[in-house]
Amino acid sequence: MRWSAATPEAEVADSEFSLYIVRCADGTLYTGIATDVSKRLTDHETSPRGAKYLRGRGPLQVVFSEVVGDRASASQLEYRVKRLSRARKLALIEGRSALSELASGQVLEEGGA
């Protein structure tokens, strides 16, 4: 399927994606990707399009957000971050670890072979 520049799909295909981490009221962390993090947070809080995991866990706070490139790169990084331990995610949030380390494969993923 070819996308013309006038379609919403084309805008998403050409957009820069961000990886974000949300802290829930119960202290749990949720990782996702979006082209517009503030709009996605609003979706999570008010729309049926939000993640089921976040329902009833508000208020939500974005504690980390970084532009990571195209959708494929963002999805790969999201997968890697979701596999990290809570301590490693907190290090990322606090700036003691860099997302670029995950992108380059310098940090070993946890929980897998």
C-alpha atoms as a PDB file:
ATOM      1  CA  MET A   1       0.000   0.000   0.000  1.00  0.00           C
ATOM      2  CA  ARG A   2       1.349   3.408  -0.944  1.00  0.00           C
ATOM      3  CA  TRP A   3       0.736   6.336   1.348  1.00  0.00           C
ATOM      4  CA  SER A   4       0.203   9.818   0.049  1.00  0.00           C
ATOM      5  CA  ALA A   5       1.408  12.762   2.081  1.00  0.00           C
ATOM      6  CA  ALA A   6      -2.206  13.727   2.772  1.00  0.00           C
ATOM      7  CA  THR A   7      -3.082  10.604   4.766  1.00  0.00           C
ATOM      8  CA  PRO A   8      -2.712  10.301   8.553  1.00  0.00           C
ATOM      9  CA  GLU A   9      -0.797   7.060   7.990  1.00  0.00           C
ATOM     10  CA  ALA A  10       1.867   8.968   6.040  1.00  0.00           C
ATOM     11  CA  GLU A  11       2.286  11.421   8.896  1.00  0.00           C
ATOM     12  CA  VAL A  12       2.916   8.560  11.323  1.00  0.00           C
ATOM     13  CA  ALA A  13       5.256   6.805   8.883  1.00  0.00           C
ATOM     14  CA  ASP A  14       7.383   9.954   8.563  1.00  0.00           C
ATOM     15  CA  SER A  15       7.198  10.954  12.228  1.00  0.00           C
ATOM     16  CA  GLU A  16       9.840  10.714  14.876  1.00  0.00           C
ATOM     17  CA  PHE A  17       8.869   8.369  17.679  1.00  0.00           C
ATOM     18  CA  SER A  18       9.675   8.834  21.349  1.00  0.00           C
ATOM     19  CA  LEU A  19      10.127   6.170  23.968  1.00  0.00           C
ATOM     20  CA  TYR A  20       8.494   7.139  27.257  1.00  0.00           C
ATOM     21  CA  ILE A  21       8.172   5.764  30.771  1.00  0.00           C
ATOM     22  CA  VAL A  22       5.163   6.584  32.945  1.00  0.00           C
ATOM     23  CA  ARG A  23       5.090   6.244  36.729  1.00  0.00           C
ATOM     24  CA  CYS A  24       1.682   5.192  38.065  1.00  0.00           C
ATOM     25  CA  ALA A  25       0.227   6.279  41.402  1.00  0.00           C
ATOM     26  CA  ASP A  26       1.080   2.841  42.827  1.00  0.00           C
ATOM     27  CA  GLY A  27       4.737   3.338  41.838  1.00  0.00           C
ATOM     28  CA  THR A  28       4.768   0.889  38.944  1.00  0.00           C
ATOM     29  CA  LEU A  29       6.436   1.845  35.667  1.00  0.00           C
ATOM     30  CA  TYR A  30       4.929   1.550  32.173  1.00  0.00           C
ATOM     31  CA  THR A  31       6.986   1.856  28.975  1.00  0.00           C
ATOM     32  CA  GLY A  32       5.591   2.819  25.587  1.00  0.00           C
ATOM     33  CA  ILE A  33       6.283   4.621  22.317  1.00  0.00           C
ATOM     34  CA  ALA A  34       4.447   7.487  20.649  1.00  0.00           C
ATOM     35  CA  THR A  35       4.866  10.303  18.160  1.00  0.00           C
ATOM     36  CA  ASP A  36       3.230  12.720  20.611  1.00  0.00           C
ATOM     37  CA  VAL A  37       3.856  11.695  24.231  1.00  0.00           C
ATOM     38  CA  SER A  38       1.529  14.269  25.817  1.00  0.00           C
ATOM     39  CA  LYS A  39      -1.338  13.205  23.524  1.00  0.00           C
ATOM     40  CA  ARG A  40      -0.628   9.555  24.286  1.00  0.00           C
ATOM     41  CA  LEU A  41      -0.667  10.266  28.024  1.00  0.00           C
ATOM     42  CA  THR A  42      -4.073  11.922  27.594  1.00  0.00           C
ATOM     43  CA  ASP A  43      -5.226   8.799  25.703  1.00  0.00           C
ATOM     44  CA  HIS A  44      -4.033   6.615  28.587  1.00  0.00           C
ATOM     45  CA  GLU A  45      -5.882   8.761  31.116  1.00  0.00           C
ATOM     46  CA  THR A  46      -9.167   9.414  29.310  1.00  0.00           C
ATOM     47  CA  SER A  47      -9.632   7.264  26.226  1.00  0.00           C
ATOM     48  CA  PRO A  48     -10.479   3.626  25.576  1.00  0.00           C
ATOM     49  CA  ARG A  49      -7.399   3.693  23.300  1.00  0.00           C
ATOM     50  CA  GLY A  50      -5.169   3.851  26.377  1.00  0.00           C
ATOM     51  CA  ALA A  51      -3.332   0.794  27.685  1.00  0.00           C
ATOM     52  CA  LYS A  52      -5.481  -1.489  29.829  1.00  0.00           C
ATOM     53  CA  TYR A  53      -2.624  -1.825  32.319  1.00  0.00           C
ATOM     54  CA  LEU A  54      -2.897   1.872  33.191  1.00  0.00           C
ATOM     55  CA  ARG A  55      -6.638   1.939  33.871  1.00  0.00           C
ATOM     56  CA  GLY A  56      -7.280   2.794  37.503  1.00  0.00           C
ATOM     57  CA  ARG A  57      -3.584   3.413  38.200  1.00  0.00           C
ATOM     58  CA  GLY A  58      -3.664   7.218  37.896  1.00  0.00           C
ATOM     59  CA  PRO A  59      -2.615   9.835  38.300  1.00  0.00           C
ATOM     60  CA  LEU A  60       0.058   9.112  35.716  1.00  0.00           C
ATOM     61  CA  GLN A  61       3.339  10.991  35.404  1.00  0.00           C
ATOM     62  CA  VAL A  62       5.757  10.885  32.466  1.00  0.00           C
ATOM     63  CA  VAL A  63       9.153  10.415  34.131  1.00  0.00           C
ATOM     64  CA  PHE A  64      11.223   9.745  31.014  1.00  0.00           C
ATOM     65  CA  SER A  65      10.864  10.633  27.346  1.00  0.00           C
ATOM     66  CA  GLU A  66      13.401  10.624  24.532  1.00  0.00           C
ATOM     67  CA  VAL A  67      13.062  10.876  20.749  1.00  0.00           C
ATOM     68  CA  VAL A  68      14.438   7.648  19.280  1.00  0.00           C
ATOM     69  CA  GLY A  69      13.725   7.833  15.540  1.00  0.00           C
ATOM     70  CA  ASP A  70      11.461   5.757  13.330  1.00  0.00           C
ATOM     71  CA  ARG A  71       8.842   3.287  14.500  1.00  0.00           C
ATOM     72  CA  ALA A  72      11.074   0.233  13.997  1.00  0.00           C
ATOM     73  CA  SER A  73      13.869   1.691  16.143  1.00  0.00           C
ATOM     74  CA  ALA A  74      11.374   2.799  18.783  1.00  0.00           C
ATOM     75  CA  SER A  75       9.753  -0.642  18.932  1.00  0.00           C
ATOM     76  CA  GLN A  76      13.127  -2.362  19.318  1.00  0.00           C
ATOM     77  CA  LEU A  77      14.142  -0.033  22.147  1.00  0.00           C
ATOM     78  CA  GLU A  78      10.744  -0.405  23.816  1.00  0.00           C
ATOM     79  CA  TYR A  79      11.211  -4.178  23.821  1.00  0.00           C
ATOM     80  CA  ARG A  80      14.675  -3.838  25.362  1.00  0.00           C
ATOM     81  CA  VAL A  81      13.551  -1.376  28.042  1.00  0.00           C
ATOM     82  CA  LYS A  82      10.556  -3.533  28.979  1.00  0.00           C
ATOM     83  CA  ARG A  83      12.958  -6.412  29.636  1.00  0.00           C
ATOM     84  CA  LEU A  84      15.103  -4.366  32.035  1.00  0.00           C
ATOM     85  CA  SER A  85      14.778  -4.745  35.780  1.00  0.00           C
ATOM     86  CA  ARG A  86      13.075  -1.993  37.745  1.00  0.00           C
ATOM     87  CA  ALA A  87      16.483  -0.874  39.048  1.00  0.00           C
ATOM     88  CA  ARG A  88      17.824  -0.492  35.494  1.00  0.00           C
ATOM     89  CA  LYS A  89      14.703   1.448  34.455  1.00  0.00           C
ATOM     90  CA  LEU A  90      15.160   3.768  37.444  1.00  0.00           C
ATOM     91  CA  ALA A  91      18.806   4.302  36.446  1.00  0.00           C
ATOM     92  CA  LEU A  92      17.589   5.320  33.000  1.00  0.00           C
ATOM     93  CA  ILE A  93      15.008   7.693  34.489  1.00  0.00           C
ATOM     94  CA  GLU A  94      17.564   9.219  36.879  1.00  0.00           C
ATOM     95  CA  GLY A  95      20.136   9.700  34.114  1.00  0.00           C
ATOM     96  CA  ARG A  96      22.610   7.154  35.496  1.00  0.00           C
ATOM     97  CA  SER A  97      22.174   5.105  32.330  1.00  0.00           C
ATOM     98  CA  ALA A  98      21.656   6.180  28.725  1.00  0.00           C
ATOM     99  CA  LEU A  99      19.137   4.940  26.206  1.00  0.00           C
ATOM    100  CA  SER A 100      21.905   5.009  23.600  1.00  0.00           C
ATOM    101  CA  GLU A 101      23.600   2.155  25.518  1.00  0.00           C
ATOM    102  CA  LEU A 102      20.568  -0.025  24.839  1.00  0.00           C
ATOM    103  CA  ALA A 103      20.433   1.011  21.194  1.00  0.00           C
ATOM    104  CA  SER A 104      24.064   0.070  20.659  1.00  0.00           C
ATOM    105  CA  GLY A 105      23.740  -3.182  22.615  1.00  0.00           C
ATOM    106  CA  GLN A 106      26.260  -2.160  25.302  1.00  0.00           C
ATOM    107  CA  VAL A 107      23.861  -3.089  28.100  1.00  0.00           C
ATOM    108  CA  LEU A 108      22.854  -6.737  28.311  1.00  0.00           C
ATOM    109  CA  GLU A 109      19.150  -7.385  28.483  1.00  0.00           C
ATOM    110  CA  GLU A 110      17.908  -9.043  31.620  1.00  0.00           C
ATOM    111  CA  GLY A 111      15.523 -11.940  31.921  1.00  0.00           C
ATOM    112  CA  GLY A 112      16.500 -13.681  28.718  1.00  0.00           C
ATOM    113  CA  ALA A 113      19.163 -15.777  27.145  1.00  0.00           C
END
